[in-house]
């Protein structure tokens, strides 16, 4: 594969992992509260 394509895929992979970790930690921290967000809503 092209080195540029590989670099872009690495960047997207890092962004995906970062967002995934944020969603998991946010859902775990709000698991005790009664607040519920609809699926697909990401709050920063």
Protein backbone atom coordinates (compact mmCIF):
# COMPACT_ATOMS: atom_id res chain seq x y z
CA UNK A 1 0.00 0.00 0.00
CA UNK A 2 0.98 3.61 -0.42
CA UNK A 3 2.79 5.15 2.53
CA UNK A 4 0.41 8.13 2.50
CA UNK A 5 -2.62 5.84 2.67
CA UNK A 6 -1.01 3.90 5.52
CA UNK A 7 -0.37 7.13 7.43
CA UNK A 8 -3.95 8.29 6.97
CA UNK A 9 -5.28 4.92 8.11
CA UNK A 10 -3.06 5.12 11.21
CA UNK A 11 -4.46 8.58 12.01
CA UNK A 12 -8.05 7.38 11.63
CA UNK A 13 -7.25 4.34 13.77
CA UNK A 14 -5.90 6.56 16.54
CA UNK A 15 -8.95 8.83 16.33
CA UNK A 16 -11.31 5.84 16.45
CA UNK A 17 -9.54 4.37 19.48
CA UNK A 18 -9.60 7.76 21.23
CA UNK A 19 -13.33 8.24 20.62
CA UNK A 20 -14.05 4.65 21.65
CA UNK A 21 -12.18 5.10 24.94
CA UNK A 22 -14.00 8.39 25.57
CA UNK A 23 -17.40 6.75 25.01
CA UNK A 24 -16.57 3.77 27.22
CA UNK A 25 -15.25 5.87 30.10
CA UNK A 26 -18.15 8.33 29.79
CA UNK A 27 -20.74 5.54 29.84
CA UNK A 28 -19.03 3.92 32.83
CA UNK A 29 -18.85 7.20 34.76
CA UNK A 30 -22.52 7.99 34.03
CA UNK A 31 -23.63 4.42 34.69
CA UNK A 32 -24.61 5.27 38.27
CA UNK A 33 -26.55 8.42 37.42
CA UNK A 34 -30.15 8.38 36.24
CA UNK A 35 -29.30 10.50 33.20
CA UNK A 36 -29.79 8.63 29.92
CA UNK A 37 -28.65 9.74 26.48
CA UNK A 38 -30.02 8.35 23.22
CA UNK A 39 -27.72 6.03 21.31
CA UNK A 40 -25.34 7.75 18.93
CA UNK A 41 -25.11 10.99 20.91
CA UNK A 42 -21.54 11.83 21.85
CA UNK A 43 -20.96 14.52 24.47
CA UNK A 44 -17.56 16.07 24.98
